[in-house]
């Protein structure tokens, strides 16, 4: 027969164990689902999301999901991140769009030739803590939209075209980092940080 005191001590020890990147990403996805279902208001969602990325223990993460319907389900703890597969988005005389909820891979390549594209990360589910986006525009245009909490590093170049090199605002501690590389030739790669819109 198990000793309740030992069980309580083990639970307390587990609660204060260090959370991993995988744990933070899982909670971020759970919060996004709750916001999509209307169970969290936008301001509450963004506040919890920032806290989730900055959390260091399981106790901090568990507090963020305690009042949600799926709180009884304990996420798999620890382990390695399992990023979505690398993706290529092409706009050849046409266009591409990624908006709403979608799984962000750890490597994304976008190419616009006489076309245009949009990659909107504001409502997306990150599957790793670092994301590489290789963006190329040749006589085309594309826009990458970042949410407020995401960190960004940009190294791109425009030749007779534009490639945004700076983005207003700072990301949050512990949030994923998006590294944007590439070039434009007679085209444009726009990189913007935008707030989320309240769900209607």
C-alpha atoms as a PDB file:
ATOM      1  CA  UNK A   1       0.000   0.000   0.000  1.00  0.00           C
ATOM      2  CA  UNK A   2       1.452   3.365  -1.009  1.00  0.00           C
ATOM      3  CA  UNK A   3       2.232   5.974   1.599  1.00  0.00           C
ATOM      4  CA  UNK A   4       0.184   9.173   0.993  1.00  0.00           C
ATOM      5  CA  UNK A   5       2.925  11.295   2.515  1.00  0.00           C
ATOM      6  CA  UNK A   6       5.470   9.866   0.066  1.00  0.00           C
ATOM      7  CA  UNK A   7       3.082  10.459  -2.845  1.00  0.00           C
ATOM      8  CA  UNK A   8       2.537  14.070  -1.798  1.00  0.00           C
ATOM      9  CA  UNK A   9       6.275  14.637  -1.440  1.00  0.00           C
ATOM     10  CA  UNK A  10       6.935  13.105  -4.866  1.00  0.00           C
ATOM     11  CA  UNK A  11       4.197  15.273  -6.444  1.00  0.00           C
ATOM     12  CA  UNK A  12       5.641  18.416  -4.839  1.00  0.00           C
ATOM     13  CA  UNK A  13       9.109  17.481  -6.083  1.00  0.00           C
ATOM     14  CA  UNK A  14       7.760  16.900  -9.608  1.00  0.00           C
ATOM     15  CA  UNK A  15       5.900  20.232  -9.561  1.00  0.00           C
ATOM     16  CA  UNK A  16       9.148  22.094  -8.939  1.00  0.00           C
ATOM     17  CA  UNK A  17      11.157  20.098 -11.489  1.00  0.00           C
ATOM     18  CA  UNK A  18      12.513  22.083 -14.395  1.00  0.00           C
ATOM     19  CA  UNK A  19      10.204  22.209 -17.387  1.00  0.00           C
ATOM     20  CA  UNK A  20      11.627  21.592 -20.851  1.00  0.00           C
ATOM     21  CA  UNK A  21      11.091  23.410 -24.147  1.00  0.00           C
ATOM     22  CA  UNK A  22       8.695  20.638 -25.145  1.00  0.00           C
ATOM     23  CA  UNK A  23       6.578  21.261 -22.032  1.00  0.00           C
ATOM     24  CA  UNK A  24       6.344  24.982 -22.756  1.00  0.00           C
ATOM     25  CA  UNK A  25       5.377  24.353 -26.391  1.00  0.00           C
ATOM     26  CA  UNK A  26       2.660  21.866 -25.352  1.00  0.00           C
ATOM     27  CA  UNK A  27       1.104  24.378 -22.956  1.00  0.00           C
ATOM     28  CA  UNK A  28       1.302  27.119 -25.609  1.00  0.00           C
ATOM     29  CA  UNK A  29      -0.631  24.856 -27.995  1.00  0.00           C
ATOM     30  CA  UNK A  30      -3.228  24.064 -25.315  1.00  0.00           C
ATOM     31  CA  UNK A  31      -3.705  27.786 -24.652  1.00  0.00           C
ATOM     32  CA  UNK A  32      -4.087  28.476 -28.391  1.00  0.00           C
ATOM     33  CA  UNK A  33      -6.778  25.797 -28.620  1.00  0.00           C
ATOM     34  CA  UNK A  34      -8.618  27.279 -25.627  1.00  0.00           C
ATOM     35  CA  UNK A  35      -8.489  30.750 -27.192  1.00  0.00           C
ATOM     36  CA  UNK A  36      -9.742  29.372 -30.507  1.00  0.00           C
ATOM     37  CA  UNK A  37     -12.681  27.739 -28.698  1.00  0.00           C
ATOM     38  CA  UNK A  38     -13.539  31.022 -26.974  1.00  0.00           C
ATOM     39  CA  UNK A  39     -12.550  29.801 -23.504  1.00  0.00           C
ATOM     40  CA  UNK A  40      -9.864  32.468 -23.150  1.00  0.00           C
ATOM     41  CA  UNK A  41     -10.164  36.139 -24.028  1.00  0.00           C
ATOM     42  CA  UNK A  42      -7.385  37.510 -26.207  1.00  0.00           C
ATOM     43  CA  UNK A  43      -5.682  39.497 -23.442  1.00  0.00           C
ATOM     44  CA  UNK A  44      -5.791  36.520 -21.058  1.00  0.00           C
ATOM     45  CA  UNK A  45      -4.453  34.206 -23.768  1.00  0.00           C
ATOM     46  CA  UNK A  46      -1.521  36.480 -24.602  1.00  0.00           C
ATOM     47  CA  UNK A  47      -0.715  37.007 -20.933  1.00  0.00           C
ATOM     48  CA  UNK A  48      -0.701  33.254 -20.253  1.00  0.00           C
ATOM     49  CA  UNK A  49       1.279  32.570 -23.424  1.00  0.00           C
ATOM     50  CA  UNK A  50       4.041  34.976 -22.358  1.00  0.00           C
ATOM     51  CA  UNK A  51       4.126  33.340 -18.912  1.00  0.00           C
ATOM     52  CA  UNK A  52       4.206  29.855 -20.448  1.00  0.00           C
ATOM     53  CA  UNK A  53       7.269  30.631 -22.540  1.00  0.00           C
ATOM     54  CA  UNK A  54       9.019  32.157 -19.508  1.00  0.00           C
ATOM     55  CA  UNK A  55       8.064  29.321 -17.116  1.00  0.00           C
ATOM     56  CA  UNK A  56      10.845  27.232 -15.618  1.00  0.00           C
ATOM     57  CA  UNK A  57       8.909  24.647 -13.550  1.00  0.00           C
ATOM     58  CA  UNK A  58       5.982  22.295 -14.078  1.00  0.00           C
ATOM     59  CA  UNK A  59       4.116  24.067 -11.288  1.00  0.00           C
ATOM     60  CA  UNK A  60       4.187  27.347 -13.222  1.00  0.00           C
ATOM     61  CA  UNK A  61       2.915  25.619 -16.358  1.00  0.00           C
ATOM     62  CA  UNK A  62       0.197  23.687 -14.513  1.00  0.00           C
ATOM     63  CA  UNK A  63      -1.169  26.917 -13.017  1.00  0.00           C
ATOM     64  CA  UNK A  64      -1.663  28.327 -16.520  1.00  0.00           C
ATOM     65  CA  UNK A  65      -3.943  25.465 -17.581  1.00  0.00           C
ATOM     66  CA  UNK A  66      -5.623  24.622 -14.262  1.00  0.00           C
ATOM     67  CA  UNK A  67      -8.990  26.230 -15.108  1.00  0.00           C
ATOM     68  CA  UNK A  68      -9.211  24.909 -18.665  1.00  0.00           C
ATOM     69  CA  UNK A  69     -11.486  21.979 -19.612  1.00  0.00           C
ATOM     70  CA  UNK A  70      -8.548  19.775 -20.578  1.00  0.00           C
ATOM     71  CA  UNK A  71      -6.707  20.429 -17.295  1.00  0.00           C
ATOM     72  CA  UNK A  72      -7.245  16.844 -16.129  1.00  0.00           C
ATOM     73  CA  UNK A  73      -5.154  15.611 -19.063  1.00  0.00           C
ATOM     74  CA  UNK A  74      -1.507  15.750 -18.034  1.00  0.00           C
ATOM     75  CA  UNK A  75       0.728  16.565 -21.015  1.00  0.00           C
ATOM     76  CA  UNK A  76       3.706  14.322 -21.684  1.00  0.00           C
ATOM     77  CA  UNK A  77       6.521  15.816 -19.665  1.00  0.00           C
ATOM     78  CA  UNK A  78      10.098  16.229 -20.826  1.00  0.00           C
ATOM     79  CA  UNK A  79      11.579  14.767 -23.963  1.00  0.00           C
ATOM     80  CA  UNK A  80      12.783  16.324 -27.167  1.00  0.00           C
ATOM     81  CA  UNK A  81      10.803  18.686 -29.366  1.00  0.00           C
ATOM     82  CA  UNK A  82       9.167  17.003 -32.349  1.00  0.00           C
ATOM     83  CA  UNK A  83       9.105  19.757 -34.987  1.00  0.00           C
ATOM     84  CA  UNK A  84       6.822  19.668 -37.993  1.00  0.00           C
ATOM     85  CA  UNK A  85       8.609  18.663 -41.226  1.00  0.00           C
ATOM     86  CA  UNK A  86      10.417  21.285 -43.298  1.00  0.00           C
ATOM     87  CA  UNK A  87       8.078  23.054 -45.697  1.00  0.00           C
ATOM     88  CA  UNK A  88       8.407  24.849 -49.039  1.00  0.00           C
ATOM     89  CA  UNK A  89       5.873  27.517 -50.065  1.00  0.00           C
ATOM     90  CA  UNK A  90       5.951  28.565 -53.727  1.00  0.00           C
ATOM     91  CA  UNK A  91       4.316  31.461 -55.553  1.00  0.00           C
ATOM     92  CA  UNK A  92       5.124  31.106 -59.254  1.00  0.00           C
ATOM     93  CA  UNK A  93       2.897  33.597 -61.083  1.00  0.00           C
ATOM     94  CA  UNK A  94       0.417  32.968 -58.285  1.00  0.00           C
ATOM     95  CA  UNK A  95       0.357  33.220 -54.477  1.00  0.00           C
ATOM     96  CA  UNK A  96       0.621  31.344 -51.201  1.00  0.00           C
ATOM     97  CA  UNK A  97      -0.915  31.952 -47.774  1.00  0.00           C
ATOM     98  CA  UNK A  98      -0.451  30.488 -44.329  1.00  0.00           C
ATOM     99  CA  UNK A  99      -2.863  31.998 -41.816  1.00  0.00           C
ATOM    100  CA  UNK A 100      -4.818  30.892 -38.760  1.00  0.00           C
ATOM    101  CA  UNK A 101      -3.747  27.813 -36.807  1.00  0.00           C
ATOM    102  CA  UNK A 102      -1.062  25.737 -38.492  1.00  0.00           C
ATOM    103  CA  UNK A 103       2.051  23.908 -37.341  1.00  0.00           C
ATOM    104  CA  UNK A 104       5.197  25.953 -37.870  1.00  0.00           C
ATOM    105  CA  UNK A 105       8.128  23.732 -38.931  1.00  0.00           C
ATOM    106  CA  UNK A 106      11.650  24.386 -37.710  1.00  0.00           C
ATOM    107  CA  UNK A 107      12.619  25.180 -41.309  1.00  0.00           C
ATOM    108  CA  UNK A 108      10.395  27.013 -43.793  1.00  0.00           C
ATOM    109  CA  UNK A 109      11.421  28.145 -47.275  1.00  0.00           C
ATOM    110  CA  UNK A 110       9.311  30.671 -49.185  1.00  0.00           C
ATOM    111  CA  UNK A 111       9.852  31.621 -52.823  1.00  0.00           C
ATOM    112  CA  UNK A 112       7.883  34.196 -54.781  1.00  0.00           C
ATOM    113  CA  UNK A 113       8.540  34.653 -58.532  1.00  0.00           C
ATOM    114  CA  UNK A 114       6.111  37.101 -60.129  1.00  0.00           C
ATOM    115  CA  UNK A 115       3.793  36.203 -57.284  1.00  0.00           C
ATOM    116  CA  UNK A 116       3.017  37.093 -53.698  1.00  0.00           C
ATOM    117  CA  UNK A 117       2.695  35.362 -50.371  1.00  0.00           C
ATOM    118  CA  UNK A 118       1.790  35.786 -46.718  1.00  0.00           C
ATOM    119  CA  UNK A 119       3.121  33.831 -43.735  1.00  0.00           C
ATOM    120  CA  UNK A 120       1.157  34.840 -40.624  1.00  0.00           C
ATOM    121  CA  UNK A 121       2.535  33.388 -37.389  1.00  0.00           C
ATOM    122  CA  UNK A 122       0.166  35.144 -34.980  1.00  0.00           C
ATOM    123  CA  UNK A 123      -2.196  32.186 -34.512  1.00  0.00           C
ATOM    124  CA  UNK A 124       0.190  29.394 -35.477  1.00  0.00           C
ATOM    125  CA  UNK A 125       1.422  26.546 -33.253  1.00  0.00           C
ATOM    126  CA  UNK A 126       5.190  26.501 -32.887  1.00  0.00           C
ATOM    127  CA  UNK A 127       6.688  23.003 -32.787  1.00  0.00           C
ATOM    128  CA  UNK A 128      10.234  24.024 -31.867  1.00  0.00           C
ATOM    129  CA  UNK A 129      11.931  26.881 -30.055  1.00  0.00           C
ATOM    130  CA  UNK A 130      13.906  27.980 -33.105  1.00  0.00           C
ATOM    131  CA  UNK A 131      12.479  28.469 -36.580  1.00  0.00           C
ATOM    132  CA  UNK A 132      14.446  29.255 -39.726  1.00  0.00           C
ATOM    133  CA  UNK A 133      12.634  31.020 -42.544  1.00  0.00           C
ATOM    134  CA  UNK A 134      14.475  31.351 -45.843  1.00  0.00           C
ATOM    135  CA  UNK A 135      12.542  33.943 -47.860  1.00  0.00           C
ATOM    136  CA  UNK A 136      13.271  34.694 -51.525  1.00  0.00           C
ATOM    137  CA  UNK A 137      11.414  37.150 -53.759  1.00  0.00           C
ATOM    138  CA  UNK A 138      12.271  37.684 -57.426  1.00  0.00           C
ATOM    139  CA  UNK A 139       9.966  40.267 -58.956  1.00  0.00           C
ATOM    140  CA  UNK A 140       7.486  39.162 -56.313  1.00  0.00           C
ATOM    141  CA  UNK A 141       6.326  40.207 -52.858  1.00  0.00           C
ATOM    142  CA  UNK A 142       5.839  38.420 -49.600  1.00  0.00           C
ATOM    143  CA  UNK A 143       5.038  39.390 -46.024  1.00  0.00           C
ATOM    144  CA  UNK A 144       5.967  37.609 -42.797  1.00  0.00           C
ATOM    145  CA  UNK A 145       3.767  38.586 -39.839  1.00  0.00           C
ATOM    146  CA  UNK A 146       5.088  38.002 -36.310  1.00  0.00           C
ATOM    147  CA  UNK A 147       3.089  38.062 -33.046  1.00  0.00           C
ATOM    148  CA  UNK A 148       4.225  40.392 -30.235  1.00  0.00           C
ATOM    149  CA  UNK A 149       5.992  37.795 -28.064  1.00  0.00           C
ATOM    150  CA  UNK A 150       8.146  36.102 -30.732  1.00  0.00           C
ATOM    151  CA  UNK A 151      11.854  36.931 -30.921  1.00  0.00           C
ATOM    152  CA  UNK A 152      13.350  37.589 -34.342  1.00  0.00           C
ATOM    153  CA  UNK A 153      16.773  37.678 -35.996  1.00  0.00           C
ATOM    154  CA  UNK A 154      16.978  39.018 -39.558  1.00  0.00           C
ATOM    155  CA  UNK A 155      19.762  38.658 -42.093  1.00  0.00           C
ATOM    156  CA  UNK A 156      18.491  39.383 -45.568  1.00  0.00           C
ATOM    157  CA  UNK A 157      19.327  41.579 -48.492  1.00  0.00           C
ATOM    158  CA  UNK A 158      17.438  43.452 -51.166  1.00  0.00           C
ATOM    159  CA  UNK A 159      18.963  44.011 -54.617  1.00  0.00           C
ATOM    160  CA  UNK A 160      16.966  46.658 -56.455  1.00  0.00           C
ATOM    161  CA  UNK A 161      14.244  45.645 -54.060  1.00  0.00           C
ATOM    162  CA  UNK A 162      13.350  45.631 -50.380  1.00  0.00           C
ATOM    163  CA  UNK A 163      14.116  43.285 -47.502  1.00  0.00           C
ATOM    164  CA  UNK A 164      13.047  44.546 -44.079  1.00  0.00           C
ATOM    165  CA  UNK A 165      16.009  44.451 -41.722  1.00  0.00           C
ATOM    166  CA  UNK A 166      14.392  45.646 -38.512  1.00  0.00           C
ATOM    167  CA  UNK A 167      11.136  44.933 -36.729  1.00  0.00           C
ATOM    168  CA  UNK A 168       9.591  47.181 -34.094  1.00  0.00           C
ATOM    169  CA  UNK A 169       9.191  45.828 -30.598  1.00  0.00           C
ATOM    170  CA  UNK A 170      10.952  43.227 -28.508  1.00  0.00           C
ATOM    171  CA  UNK A 171      10.007  39.593 -28.048  1.00  0.00           C
ATOM    172  CA  UNK A 172       9.466  37.880 -24.690  1.00  0.00           C
ATOM    173  CA  UNK A 173      11.939  35.901 -22.622  1.00  0.00           C
ATOM    174  CA  UNK A 174      11.788  32.200 -23.452  1.00  0.00           C
ATOM    175  CA  UNK A 175       9.531  32.649 -26.512  1.00  0.00           C
ATOM    176  CA  UNK A 176      10.556  30.968 -29.778  1.00  0.00           C
ATOM    177  CA  UNK A 177      13.079  32.723 -32.012  1.00  0.00           C
ATOM    178  CA  UNK A 178      12.398  33.129 -35.726  1.00  0.00           C
ATOM    179  CA  UNK A 179      15.568  33.511 -37.816  1.00  0.00           C
ATOM    180  CA  UNK A 180      14.792  35.054 -41.204  1.00  0.00           C
ATOM    181  CA  UNK A 181      17.319  34.786 -44.036  1.00  0.00           C
ATOM    182  CA  UNK A 182      17.130  35.366 -47.782  1.00  0.00           C
ATOM    183  CA  UNK A 183      17.083  38.046 -50.454  1.00  0.00           C
ATOM    184  CA  UNK A 184      14.872  39.910 -52.867  1.00  0.00           C
ATOM    185  CA  UNK A 185      15.627  40.949 -56.443  1.00  0.00           C
ATOM    186  CA  UNK A 186      13.264  43.529 -57.897  1.00  0.00           C
ATOM    187  CA  UNK A 187      10.880  42.346 -55.248  1.00  0.00           C
ATOM    188  CA  UNK A 188      10.120  42.708 -51.568  1.00  0.00           C
ATOM    189  CA  UNK A 189      10.221  40.712 -48.334  1.00  0.00           C
ATOM    190  CA  UNK A 190       8.244  42.580 -45.690  1.00  0.00           C
ATOM    191  CA  UNK A 191       8.555  41.577 -42.035  1.00  0.00           C
ATOM    192  CA  UNK A 192       6.016  43.031 -39.608  1.00  0.00           C
ATOM    193  CA  UNK A 193       5.122  42.555 -35.972  1.00  0.00           C
ATOM    194  CA  UNK A 194       1.352  42.854 -35.432  1.00  0.00           C
ATOM    195  CA  UNK A 195      -1.008  42.358 -32.539  1.00  0.00           C
ATOM    196  CA  UNK A 196      -3.660  39.666 -32.713  1.00  0.00           C
ATOM    197  CA  UNK A 197      -7.249  40.624 -33.434  1.00  0.00           C
ATOM    198  CA  UNK A 198      -9.982  39.616 -30.993  1.00  0.00           C
ATOM    199  CA  UNK A 199     -12.034  36.607 -32.130  1.00  0.00           C
ATOM    200  CA  UNK A 200     -15.460  37.554 -33.400  1.00  0.00           C
END
